[in-house]
Amino acid sequence: MNFYFLTMFYYVVILLFNLLFNQQKHVDKGELLMSNLTLWDQLKEAKSEKYKWVDLTHELSPETPHWYGFSPLQADLLFDYAEGTPEDKMAPMRCFQYSVASQYGTHVDAPRHFWGNGRPMNEITVKELVYPLVVIDKSAECAADPDFVLKIEDIQKWEEEYGRIPEGAFVAFRSDWYKKSNLDNPDENGQPHYPGWDKAAIQWLVENRNIGAIGHEPADTDPATVTTKPDAYPYPGEQYILEVDRFQIEVMRNLDQVPAVGSLIVCAFPKLKDGVGFPARCFAICPAD
């Protein structure tokens, strides 16, 4: 009898142990599963009413604002499914061959754009496509003076109000220039007038704040007072930011919808082998209030 009870007791202990062990395995798996959902939860919150998503990109078309030296985007039909399509192009899909300059519309300038030894687009890492976004608003000054130049003292004054620019930030110069029908903004004599960065200001941001990238609304980094000089090439501000292995985004829009601090910017563009630039899709994720 004692042997019987000892045997039963042994089996009960084994059964309980297995139940507890398996339960713990399920708990551990559940905890692991929950921990892996953190990013999903964060994205769900980012898409909630607490935040707004702002498109910083011009629509891509033949009418897109662009540097005066480029031809408008061209789209040639390759295949189509629409009635009346020529027989040699009839297919179950619609496809176009697009022809567009590398620095057309809202675009990225890779370091190799102005620097022969600089990184091309395919060497820009995915971690470099997301940054804290800082917006320096000089739209009023640019409205009063279309040849306005953003200088070191403007940045220092901005920091007095908003705090130190974080390391690795994307610093955007807001001018509201995207509202212009002609980015060159020529006068009656055809002389362009548009704002830009002072090279010393960009250098200060790199050397003192170790920023990740810059952006602006005109088609040039440097102001028209610099780019229209007979000996303007290479443009000093643009040459500098690319030679220190940063990229920049040009012909941005809607910076007037983004707060000075607290937002993120995502800069998306192709992983183009040996690419010096390409139209980009950039957007900001901002606090709603």
C-alpha atoms as a PDB file:
ATOM      1  CA  MET A   1       0.000   0.000   0.000  1.00  0.00           C
ATOM      2  CA  ASN A   2       2.770   2.406   0.905  1.00  0.00           C
ATOM      3  CA  PHE A   3       4.471   1.638  -2.390  1.00  0.00           C
ATOM      4  CA  TYR A   4       1.230   2.412  -4.239  1.00  0.00           C
ATOM      5  CA  PHE A   5       0.801   5.771  -2.567  1.00  0.00           C
ATOM      6  CA  LEU A   6       4.463   6.652  -3.128  1.00  0.00           C
ATOM      7  CA  THR A   7       4.075   5.842  -6.803  1.00  0.00           C
ATOM      8  CA  MET A   8       0.910   7.944  -7.092  1.00  0.00           C
ATOM      9  CA  PHE A   9       2.583  10.779  -5.214  1.00  0.00           C
ATOM     10  CA  TYR A  10       5.534  10.611  -7.613  1.00  0.00           C
ATOM     11  CA  TYR A  11       3.269  10.834 -10.696  1.00  0.00           C
ATOM     12  CA  VAL A  12       1.310  13.749  -9.196  1.00  0.00           C
ATOM     13  CA  VAL A  13       4.534  15.651  -8.510  1.00  0.00           C
ATOM     14  CA  ILE A  14       5.734  15.024 -12.078  1.00  0.00           C
ATOM     15  CA  LEU A  15       2.353  16.145 -13.462  1.00  0.00           C
ATOM     16  CA  LEU A  16       2.370  19.366 -11.429  1.00  0.00           C
ATOM     17  CA  PHE A  17       5.939  20.092 -12.435  1.00  0.00           C
ATOM     18  CA  ASN A  18       5.087  19.682 -16.113  1.00  0.00           C
ATOM     19  CA  LEU A  19       2.038  21.899 -15.797  1.00  0.00           C
ATOM     20  CA  LEU A  20       4.011  24.647 -14.057  1.00  0.00           C
ATOM     21  CA  PHE A  21       6.898  24.362 -16.533  1.00  0.00           C
ATOM     22  CA  ASN A  22       4.624  24.559 -19.569  1.00  0.00           C
ATOM     23  CA  GLN A  23       2.712  27.471 -18.045  1.00  0.00           C
ATOM     24  CA  GLN A  24       5.978  29.299 -17.485  1.00  0.00           C
ATOM     25  CA  LYS A  25       6.943  28.638 -21.090  1.00  0.00           C
ATOM     26  CA  HIS A  26       3.663  30.182 -22.247  1.00  0.00           C
ATOM     27  CA  VAL A  27       4.179  33.182 -19.953  1.00  0.00           C
ATOM     28  CA  ASP A  28       7.704  33.690 -21.241  1.00  0.00           C
ATOM     29  CA  LYS A  29       6.503  33.413 -24.820  1.00  0.00           C
ATOM     30  CA  GLY A  30       3.698  35.862 -24.104  1.00  0.00           C
ATOM     31  CA  GLU A  31       6.084  38.335 -22.516  1.00  0.00           C
ATOM     32  CA  LEU A  32       8.400  38.009 -25.486  1.00  0.00           C
ATOM     33  CA  LEU A  33       5.515  38.562 -27.864  1.00  0.00           C
ATOM     34  CA  MET A  34       4.393  41.662 -25.981  1.00  0.00           C
ATOM     35  CA  SER A  35       7.901  43.105 -25.981  1.00  0.00           C
ATOM     36  CA  ASN A  36       8.093  42.635 -29.739  1.00  0.00           C
ATOM     37  CA  LEU A  37       4.952  44.746 -30.217  1.00  0.00           C
ATOM     38  CA  THR A  38       6.508  47.901 -28.774  1.00  0.00           C
ATOM     39  CA  LEU A  39       7.230  49.496 -32.146  1.00  0.00           C
ATOM     40  CA  TRP A  40       3.724  48.657 -33.356  1.00  0.00           C
ATOM     41  CA  ASP A  41       2.258  50.418 -30.344  1.00  0.00           C
ATOM     42  CA  GLN A  42       4.497  53.415 -30.893  1.00  0.00           C
ATOM     43  CA  LEU A  43       3.458  53.647 -34.534  1.00  0.00           C
ATOM     44  CA  LYS A  44      -0.200  53.386 -33.571  1.00  0.00           C
ATOM     45  CA  GLU A  45       0.276  56.304 -31.198  1.00  0.00           C
ATOM     46  CA  ALA A  46       2.196  58.292 -33.837  1.00  0.00           C
ATOM     47  CA  LYS A  47      -0.784  57.899 -36.172  1.00  0.00           C
ATOM     48  CA  SER A  48      -3.223  59.022 -33.486  1.00  0.00           C
ATOM     49  CA  GLU A  49      -4.645  62.519 -33.029  1.00  0.00           C
ATOM     50  CA  LYS A  50      -1.674  63.371 -30.813  1.00  0.00           C
ATOM     51  CA  TYR A  51       0.485  63.828 -33.908  1.00  0.00           C
ATOM     52  CA  LYS A  52       0.218  65.240 -37.411  1.00  0.00           C
ATOM     53  CA  TRP A  53       2.077  64.079 -40.508  1.00  0.00           C
ATOM     54  CA  VAL A  54       3.244  66.839 -42.838  1.00  0.00           C
ATOM     55  CA  ASP A  55       4.321  66.207 -46.423  1.00  0.00           C
ATOM     56  CA  LEU A  56       7.425  68.296 -47.155  1.00  0.00           C
ATOM     57  CA  THR A  57       7.539  67.307 -50.833  1.00  0.00           C
ATOM     58  CA  HIS A  58       6.399  68.985 -54.036  1.00  0.00           C
ATOM     59  CA  GLU A  59       4.254  66.874 -56.328  1.00  0.00           C
ATOM     60  CA  LEU A  60       6.373  65.435 -59.143  1.00  0.00           C
ATOM     61  CA  SER A  61       5.221  66.556 -62.595  1.00  0.00           C
ATOM     62  CA  PRO A  62       6.321  68.713 -65.547  1.00  0.00           C
ATOM     63  CA  GLU A  63       5.074  71.708 -63.525  1.00  0.00           C
ATOM     64  CA  THR A  64       7.167  70.930 -60.427  1.00  0.00           C
ATOM     65  CA  PRO A  65       9.407  73.830 -59.313  1.00  0.00           C
ATOM     66  CA  HIS A  66      12.995  73.085 -60.289  1.00  0.00           C
ATOM     67  CA  TRP A  67      16.374  74.607 -61.023  1.00  0.00           C
ATOM     68  CA  TYR A  68      16.287  76.713 -64.187  1.00  0.00           C
ATOM     69  CA  GLY A  69      18.924  74.602 -65.964  1.00  0.00           C
ATOM     70  CA  PHE A  70      16.786  71.431 -66.020  1.00  0.00           C
ATOM     71  CA  SER A  71      14.117  70.392 -68.484  1.00  0.00           C
ATOM     72  CA  PRO A  72      10.670  69.524 -67.107  1.00  0.00           C
ATOM     73  CA  LEU A  73       9.906  65.912 -66.268  1.00  0.00           C
ATOM     74  CA  GLN A  74       8.912  63.878 -69.323  1.00  0.00           C
ATOM     75  CA  ALA A  75       6.675  60.798 -69.292  1.00  0.00           C
ATOM     76  CA  ASP A  76       6.564  58.501 -72.340  1.00  0.00           C
ATOM     77  CA  LEU A  77       3.933  55.772 -72.448  1.00  0.00           C
ATOM     78  CA  LEU A  78       5.356  52.257 -72.752  1.00  0.00           C
ATOM     79  CA  PHE A  79       2.255  50.093 -72.255  1.00  0.00           C
ATOM     80  CA  ASP A  80      -1.430  50.674 -71.521  1.00  0.00           C
ATOM     81  CA  TYR A  81      -4.733  48.823 -71.117  1.00  0.00           C
ATOM     82  CA  ALA A  82      -6.987  51.740 -72.162  1.00  0.00           C
ATOM     83  CA  GLU A  83      -9.222  51.439 -75.197  1.00  0.00           C
ATOM     84  CA  GLY A  84      -7.614  52.983 -78.259  1.00  0.00           C
ATOM     85  CA  THR A  85      -4.046  52.201 -77.201  1.00  0.00           C
ATOM     86  CA  PRO A  86      -1.823  51.413 -80.215  1.00  0.00           C
ATOM     87  CA  GLU A  87      -1.504  47.667 -80.736  1.00  0.00           C
ATOM     88  CA  ASP A  88       2.229  47.599 -80.057  1.00  0.00           C
ATOM     89  CA  LYS A  89       1.627  49.176 -76.635  1.00  0.00           C
ATOM     90  CA  MET A  90      -1.513  47.284 -75.630  1.00  0.00           C
ATOM     91  CA  ALA A  91      -0.964  45.303 -72.418  1.00  0.00           C
ATOM     92  CA  PRO A  92      -2.744  44.421 -69.157  1.00  0.00           C
ATOM     93  CA  MET A  93      -0.802  47.163 -67.301  1.00  0.00           C
ATOM     94  CA  ARG A  94       0.030  50.856 -67.633  1.00  0.00           C
ATOM     95  CA  CYS A  95       3.734  51.793 -67.594  1.00  0.00           C
ATOM     96  CA  PHE A  96       5.702  54.936 -68.384  1.00  0.00           C
ATOM     97  CA  GLN A  97       9.325  55.750 -69.100  1.00  0.00           C
ATOM     98  CA  TYR A  98      10.147  58.820 -67.000  1.00  0.00           C
ATOM     99  CA  SER A  99      12.956  61.195 -67.852  1.00  0.00           C
ATOM    100  CA  VAL A 100      13.914  63.581 -65.066  1.00  0.00           C
ATOM    101  CA  ALA A 101      17.054  65.380 -63.881  1.00  0.00           C
ATOM    102  CA  SER A 102      18.671  63.959 -60.758  1.00  0.00           C
ATOM    103  CA  GLN A 103      18.203  67.200 -58.815  1.00  0.00           C
ATOM    104  CA  TYR A 104      14.604  67.851 -59.910  1.00  0.00           C
ATOM    105  CA  GLY A 105      11.859  69.143 -57.614  1.00  0.00           C
ATOM    106  CA  THR A 106      12.172  68.154 -53.959  1.00  0.00           C
ATOM    107  CA  HIS A 107      15.393  66.167 -54.090  1.00  0.00           C
ATOM    108  CA  VAL A 108      18.390  64.835 -52.218  1.00  0.00           C
ATOM    109  CA  ASP A 109      21.947  65.941 -52.920  1.00  0.00           C
ATOM    110  CA  ALA A 110      24.359  63.149 -52.023  1.00  0.00           C
ATOM    111  CA  PRO A 111      27.947  64.113 -51.104  1.00  0.00           C
ATOM    112  CA  ARG A 112      29.158  62.966 -54.529  1.00  0.00           C
ATOM    113  CA  HIS A 113      27.043  65.671 -56.181  1.00  0.00           C
ATOM    114  CA  PHE A 114      29.790  68.266 -55.488  1.00  0.00           C
ATOM    115  CA  TRP A 115      32.622  66.055 -54.232  1.00  0.00           C
ATOM    116  CA  GLY A 116      34.263  63.421 -56.409  1.00  0.00           C
ATOM    117  CA  ASN A 117      35.287  61.282 -53.437  1.00  0.00           C
ATOM    118  CA  GLY A 118      31.970  61.697 -51.647  1.00  0.00           C
ATOM    119  CA  ARG A 119      29.512  58.934 -50.901  1.00  0.00           C
ATOM    120  CA  PRO A 120      26.903  58.158 -53.558  1.00  0.00           C
ATOM    121  CA  MET A 121      23.284  57.505 -52.690  1.00  0.00           C
ATOM    122  CA  ASN A 122      23.691  53.739 -52.357  1.00  0.00           C
ATOM    123  CA  GLU A 123      26.173  54.261 -49.496  1.00  0.00           C
ATOM    124  CA  ILE A 124      23.840  56.424 -47.400  1.00  0.00           C
ATOM    125  CA  THR A 125      22.634  54.182 -44.568  1.00  0.00           C
ATOM    126  CA  VAL A 126      19.006  53.686 -43.590  1.00  0.00           C
ATOM    127  CA  LYS A 127      19.680  55.211 -40.160  1.00  0.00           C
ATOM    128  CA  GLU A 128      20.549  58.455 -41.946  1.00  0.00           C
ATOM    129  CA  LEU A 129      17.044  58.727 -43.373  1.00  0.00           C
ATOM    130  CA  VAL A 130      15.409  59.714 -40.052  1.00  0.00           C
ATOM    131  CA  TYR A 131      16.411  62.710 -37.931  1.00  0.00           C
ATOM    132  CA  PRO A 132      15.210  65.050 -35.199  1.00  0.00           C
ATOM    133  CA  LEU A 133      13.882  68.033 -37.169  1.00  0.00           C
ATOM    134  CA  VAL A 134      14.829  71.610 -36.305  1.00  0.00           C
ATOM    135  CA  VAL A 135      13.097  74.435 -38.215  1.00  0.00           C
ATOM    136  CA  ILE A 136      14.642  77.910 -38.222  1.00  0.00           C
ATOM    137  CA  ASP A 137      11.907  80.283 -39.341  1.00  0.00           C
ATOM    138  CA  LYS A 138      13.166  83.294 -41.269  1.00  0.00           C
ATOM    139  CA  SER A 139      10.121  83.654 -43.512  1.00  0.00           C
ATOM    140  CA  ALA A 140       9.371  87.217 -42.364  1.00  0.00           C
ATOM    141  CA  GLU A 141      12.946  88.286 -43.030  1.00  0.00           C
ATOM    142  CA  CYS A 142      12.877  86.639 -46.469  1.00  0.00           C
ATOM    143  CA  ALA A 143       9.627  88.410 -47.321  1.00  0.00           C
ATOM    144  CA  ALA A 144      11.228  91.735 -46.434  1.00  0.00           C
ATOM    145  CA  ASP A 145      14.532  90.917 -48.129  1.00  0.00           C
ATOM    146  CA  PRO A 146      14.492  88.207 -50.838  1.00  0.00           C
ATOM    147  CA  ASP A 147      18.313  88.134 -50.738  1.00  0.00           C
ATOM    148  CA  PHE A 148      18.324  87.258 -47.024  1.00  0.00           C
ATOM    149  CA  VAL A 149      21.284  85.186 -45.805  1.00  0.00           C
ATOM    150  CA  LEU A 150      20.985  82.888 -42.771  1.00  0.00           C
ATOM    151  CA  LYS A 151      24.007  83.550 -40.554  1.00  0.00           C
ATOM    152  CA  ILE A 152      25.550  82.210 -37.347  1.00  0.00           C
ATOM    153  CA  GLU A 153      23.919  84.903 -35.223  1.00  0.00           C
ATOM    154  CA  ASP A 154      20.489  83.835 -36.509  1.00  0.00           C
ATOM    155  CA  ILE A 155      21.145  80.282 -35.311  1.00  0.00           C
ATOM    156  CA  GLN A 156      22.440  81.467 -31.944  1.00  0.00           C
ATOM    157  CA  LYS A 157      19.389  83.681 -31.505  1.00  0.00           C
ATOM    158  CA  TRP A 158      17.167  80.700 -32.353  1.00  0.00           C
ATOM    159  CA  GLU A 159      18.919  78.636 -29.659  1.00  0.00           C
ATOM    160  CA  GLU A 160      18.309  81.359 -27.088  1.00  0.00           C
ATOM    161  CA  GLU A 161      14.589  80.839 -27.630  1.00  0.00           C
ATOM    162  CA  TYR A 162      14.325  77.099 -28.275  1.00  0.00           C
ATOM    163  CA  GLY A 163      17.433  75.536 -26.753  1.00  0.00           C
ATOM    164  CA  ARG A 164      20.491  73.773 -28.082  1.00  0.00           C
ATOM    165  CA  ILE A 165      20.204  72.064 -31.457  1.00  0.00           C
ATOM    166  CA  PRO A 166      20.585  68.308 -30.810  1.00  0.00           C
ATOM    167  CA  GLU A 167      23.443  66.312 -32.273  1.00  0.00           C
ATOM    168  CA  GLY A 168      22.494  64.561 -35.481  1.00  0.00           C
ATOM    169  CA  ALA A 169      19.614  66.929 -36.238  1.00  0.00           C
ATOM    170  CA  PHE A 170      18.245  67.848 -39.645  1.00  0.00           C
ATOM    171  CA  VAL A 171      18.241  71.647 -39.689  1.00  0.00           C
ATOM    172  CA  ALA A 172      15.713  73.180 -42.088  1.00  0.00           C
ATOM    173  CA  PHE A 173      15.759  76.828 -43.137  1.00  0.00           C
ATOM    174  CA  ARG A 174      12.164  78.011 -43.489  1.00  0.00           C
ATOM    175  CA  SER A 175      11.705  80.857 -45.947  1.00  0.00           C
ATOM    176  CA  ASP A 176       8.198  80.106 -47.305  1.00  0.00           C
ATOM    177  CA  TRP A 177       9.879  80.184 -50.727  1.00  0.00           C
ATOM    178  CA  TYR A 178       7.804  77.199 -51.815  1.00  0.00           C
ATOM    179  CA  LYS A 179       4.898  79.607 -52.264  1.00  0.00           C
ATOM    180  CA  LYS A 180       6.727  81.366 -55.115  1.00  0.00           C
ATOM    181  CA  SER A 181       5.629  80.525 -58.650  1.00  0.00           C
ATOM    182  CA  ASN A 182       9.232  81.029 -59.777  1.00  0.00           C
ATOM    183  CA  LEU A 183      11.964  79.966 -57.363  1.00  0.00           C
ATOM    184  CA  ASP A 184      14.460  82.322 -59.049  1.00  0.00           C
ATOM    185  CA  ASN A 185      12.201  85.290 -58.232  1.00  0.00           C
ATOM    186  CA  PRO A 186      13.742  87.487 -60.955  1.00  0.00           C
ATOM    187  CA  ASP A 187      13.457  91.273 -60.957  1.00  0.00           C
ATOM    188  CA  GLU A 188      12.543  93.387 -63.986  1.00  0.00           C
ATOM    189  CA  ASN A 189      16.065  92.901 -65.353  1.00  0.00           C
ATOM    190  CA  GLY A 190      15.929  89.126 -64.979  1.00  0.00           C
ATOM    191  CA  GLN A 191      18.291  89.107 -61.980  1.00  0.00           C
ATOM    192  CA  PRO A 192      17.386  86.287 -59.547  1.00  0.00           C
ATOM    193  CA  HIS A 193      16.677  87.077 -55.888  1.00  0.00           C
ATOM    194  CA  TYR A 194      16.353  84.235 -53.390  1.00  0.00           C
ATOM    195  CA  PRO A 195      17.610  83.543 -49.859  1.00  0.00           C
ATOM    196  CA  GLY A 196      20.239  81.069 -48.772  1.00  0.00           C
ATOM    197  CA  TRP A 197      22.692  79.865 -46.163  1.00  0.00           C
ATOM    198  CA  ASP A 198      25.916  81.607 -45.260  1.00  0.00           C
ATOM    199  CA  LYS A 199      28.698  79.026 -45.530  1.00  0.00           C
ATOM    200  CA  ALA A 200      29.966  80.025 -42.073  1.00  0.00           C
ATOM    201  CA  ALA A 201      26.556  79.185 -40.575  1.00  0.00           C
ATOM    202  CA  ILE A 202      26.591  75.678 -42.063  1.00  0.00           C
ATOM    203  CA  GLN A 203      30.146  75.201 -40.873  1.00  0.00           C
ATOM    204  CA  TRP A 204      29.173  76.319 -37.356  1.00  0.00           C
ATOM    205  CA  LEU A 205      26.330  73.782 -37.290  1.00  0.00           C
ATOM    206  CA  VAL A 206      28.625  70.954 -38.371  1.00  0.00           C
ATOM    207  CA  GLU A 207      31.555  71.816 -36.110  1.00  0.00           C
ATOM    208  CA  ASN A 208      29.630  72.909 -33.014  1.00  0.00           C
ATOM    209  CA  ARG A 209      26.419  70.851 -33.172  1.00  0.00           C
ATOM    210  CA  ASN A 210      27.460  67.895 -35.346  1.00  0.00           C
ATOM    211  CA  ILE A 211      24.237  68.070 -37.341  1.00  0.00           C
ATOM    212  CA  GLY A 212      23.205  65.259 -39.681  1.00  0.00           C
ATOM    213  CA  ALA A 213      21.803  67.172 -42.667  1.00  0.00           C
ATOM    214  CA  ILE A 214      20.278  70.462 -43.823  1.00  0.00           C
ATOM    215  CA  GLY A 215      17.331  71.441 -45.971  1.00  0.00           C
ATOM    216  CA  HIS A 216      15.766  74.515 -47.557  1.00  0.00           C
ATOM    217  CA  GLU A 217      13.045  75.619 -49.950  1.00  0.00           C
ATOM    218  CA  PRO A 218      14.951  77.328 -52.788  1.00  0.00           C
ATOM    219  CA  ALA A 219      16.771  75.289 -55.437  1.00  0.00           C
ATOM    220  CA  ASP A 220      20.188  76.365 -54.161  1.00  0.00           C
ATOM    221  CA  THR A 221      21.941  76.193 -50.797  1.00  0.00           C
ATOM    222  CA  ASP A 222      23.629  79.543 -51.319  1.00  0.00           C
ATOM    223  CA  PRO A 223      21.726  82.807 -51.870  1.00  0.00           C
ATOM    224  CA  ALA A 224      21.334  84.371 -55.317  1.00  0.00           C
ATOM    225  CA  THR A 225      23.810  87.086 -54.346  1.00  0.00           C
ATOM    226  CA  VAL A 226      26.438  84.315 -54.329  1.00  0.00           C
ATOM    227  CA  THR A 227      25.258  81.951 -57.082  1.00  0.00           C
ATOM    228  CA  THR A 228      24.896  84.693 -59.722  1.00  0.00           C
ATOM    229  CA  LYS A 229      28.483  85.936 -59.417  1.00  0.00           C
ATOM    230  CA  PRO A 230      30.700  85.230 -62.440  1.00  0.00           C
ATOM    231  CA  ASP A 231      33.104  83.190 -60.274  1.00  0.00           C
ATOM    232  CA  ALA A 232      30.377  81.486 -58.223  1.00  0.00           C
ATOM    233  CA  TYR A 233      31.370  77.880 -58.944  1.00  0.00           C
ATOM    234  CA  PRO A 234      31.671  75.855 -56.848  1.00  0.00           C
ATOM    235  CA  TYR A 235      28.940  77.271 -54.638  1.00  0.00           C
ATOM    236  CA  PRO A 236      30.633  77.577 -51.219  1.00  0.00           C
ATOM    237  CA  GLY A 237      27.788  76.547 -48.892  1.00  0.00           C
ATOM    238  CA  GLU A 238      26.713  73.584 -50.980  1.00  0.00           C
ATOM    239  CA  GLN A 239      30.308  72.505 -51.595  1.00  0.00           C
ATOM    240  CA  TYR A 240      30.982  72.568 -47.854  1.00  0.00           C
ATOM    241  CA  ILE A 241      27.970  70.579 -46.595  1.00  0.00           C
ATOM    242  CA  LEU A 242      28.604  67.812 -49.144  1.00  0.00           C
ATOM    243  CA  GLU A 243      32.364  67.704 -48.535  1.00  0.00           C
ATOM    244  CA  VAL A 244      31.774  67.061 -44.825  1.00  0.00           C
ATOM    245  CA  ASP A 245      29.829  63.938 -45.823  1.00  0.00           C
ATOM    246  CA  ARG A 246      26.306  65.195 -45.175  1.00  0.00           C
ATOM    247  CA  PHE A 247      23.432  65.165 -47.614  1.00  0.00           C
ATOM    248  CA  GLN A 248      20.890  67.920 -48.064  1.00  0.00           C
ATOM    249  CA  ILE A 249      17.298  68.213 -49.233  1.00  0.00           C
ATOM    250  CA  GLU A 250      16.399  71.073 -51.573  1.00  0.00           C
ATOM    251  CA  VAL A 251      13.104  72.539 -52.822  1.00  0.00           C
ATOM    252  CA  MET A 252      11.225  71.586 -49.668  1.00  0.00           C
ATOM    253  CA  ARG A 253       7.688  72.765 -48.883  1.00  0.00           C
ATOM    254  CA  ASN A 254       5.230  73.106 -45.976  1.00  0.00           C
ATOM    255  CA  LEU A 255       7.859  73.939 -43.370  1.00  0.00           C
ATOM    256  CA  ASP A 256       5.351  76.535 -42.186  1.00  0.00           C
ATOM    257  CA  GLN A 257       3.250  73.618 -40.879  1.00  0.00           C
ATOM    258  CA  VAL A 258       6.064  72.224 -38.721  1.00  0.00           C
ATOM    259  CA  PRO A 259       7.022  73.495 -35.231  1.00  0.00           C
ATOM    260  CA  ALA A 260      10.525  74.722 -34.474  1.00  0.00           C
ATOM    261  CA  VAL A 261      11.333  71.699 -32.293  1.00  0.00           C
ATOM    262  CA  GLY A 262       9.953  68.292 -31.354  1.00  0.00           C
ATOM    263  CA  SER A 263       9.369  66.736 -34.784  1.00  0.00           C
ATOM    264  CA  LEU A 264      10.984  63.944 -36.765  1.00  0.00           C
ATOM    265  CA  ILE A 265      11.810  64.043 -40.468  1.00  0.00           C
ATOM    266  CA  VAL A 266      11.918  61.029 -42.766  1.00  0.00           C
ATOM    267  CA  CYS A 267      13.836  61.445 -46.041  1.00  0.00           C
ATOM    268  CA  ALA A 268      13.103  58.672 -48.523  1.00  0.00           C
ATOM    269  CA  PHE A 269      14.889  58.223 -51.857  1.00  0.00           C
ATOM    270  CA  PRO A 270      16.206  55.353 -54.010  1.00  0.00           C
ATOM    271  CA  LYS A 271      19.349  53.379 -53.212  1.00  0.00           C
ATOM    272  CA  LEU A 272      20.788  54.434 -56.558  1.00  0.00           C
ATOM    273  CA  LYS A 273      24.235  53.034 -57.371  1.00  0.00           C
ATOM    274  CA  ASP A 274      26.735  55.905 -57.791  1.00  0.00           C
ATOM    275  CA  GLY A 275      23.762  58.273 -57.517  1.00  0.00           C
ATOM    276  CA  VAL A 276      24.490  61.965 -56.958  1.00  0.00           C
ATOM    277  CA  GLY A 277      20.864  62.926 -56.341  1.00  0.00           C
ATOM    278  CA  PHE A 278      17.257  62.045 -57.046  1.00  0.00           C
ATOM    279  CA  PRO A 279      13.723  63.314 -56.396  1.00  0.00           C
ATOM    280  CA  ALA A 280      12.899  62.525 -52.768  1.00  0.00           C
ATOM    281  CA  ARG A 281       9.795  62.037 -50.628  1.00  0.00           C
ATOM    282  CA  CYS A 282      10.210  63.749 -47.262  1.00  0.00           C
ATOM    283  CA  PHE A 283       7.713  64.112 -44.443  1.00  0.00           C
ATOM    284  CA  ALA A 284       7.614  65.241 -40.840  1.00  0.00           C
ATOM    285  CA  ILE A 285       5.886  63.652 -37.845  1.00  0.00           C
ATOM    286  CA  CYS A 286       4.949  66.468 -35.473  1.00  0.00           C
ATOM    287  CA  PRO A 287       3.144  66.963 -32.154  1.00  0.00           C
ATOM    288  CA  ALA A 288      -0.405  68.024 -32.970  1.00  0.00           C
ATOM    289  CA  ASP A 289      -0.440  70.909 -30.488  1.00  0.00           C
END
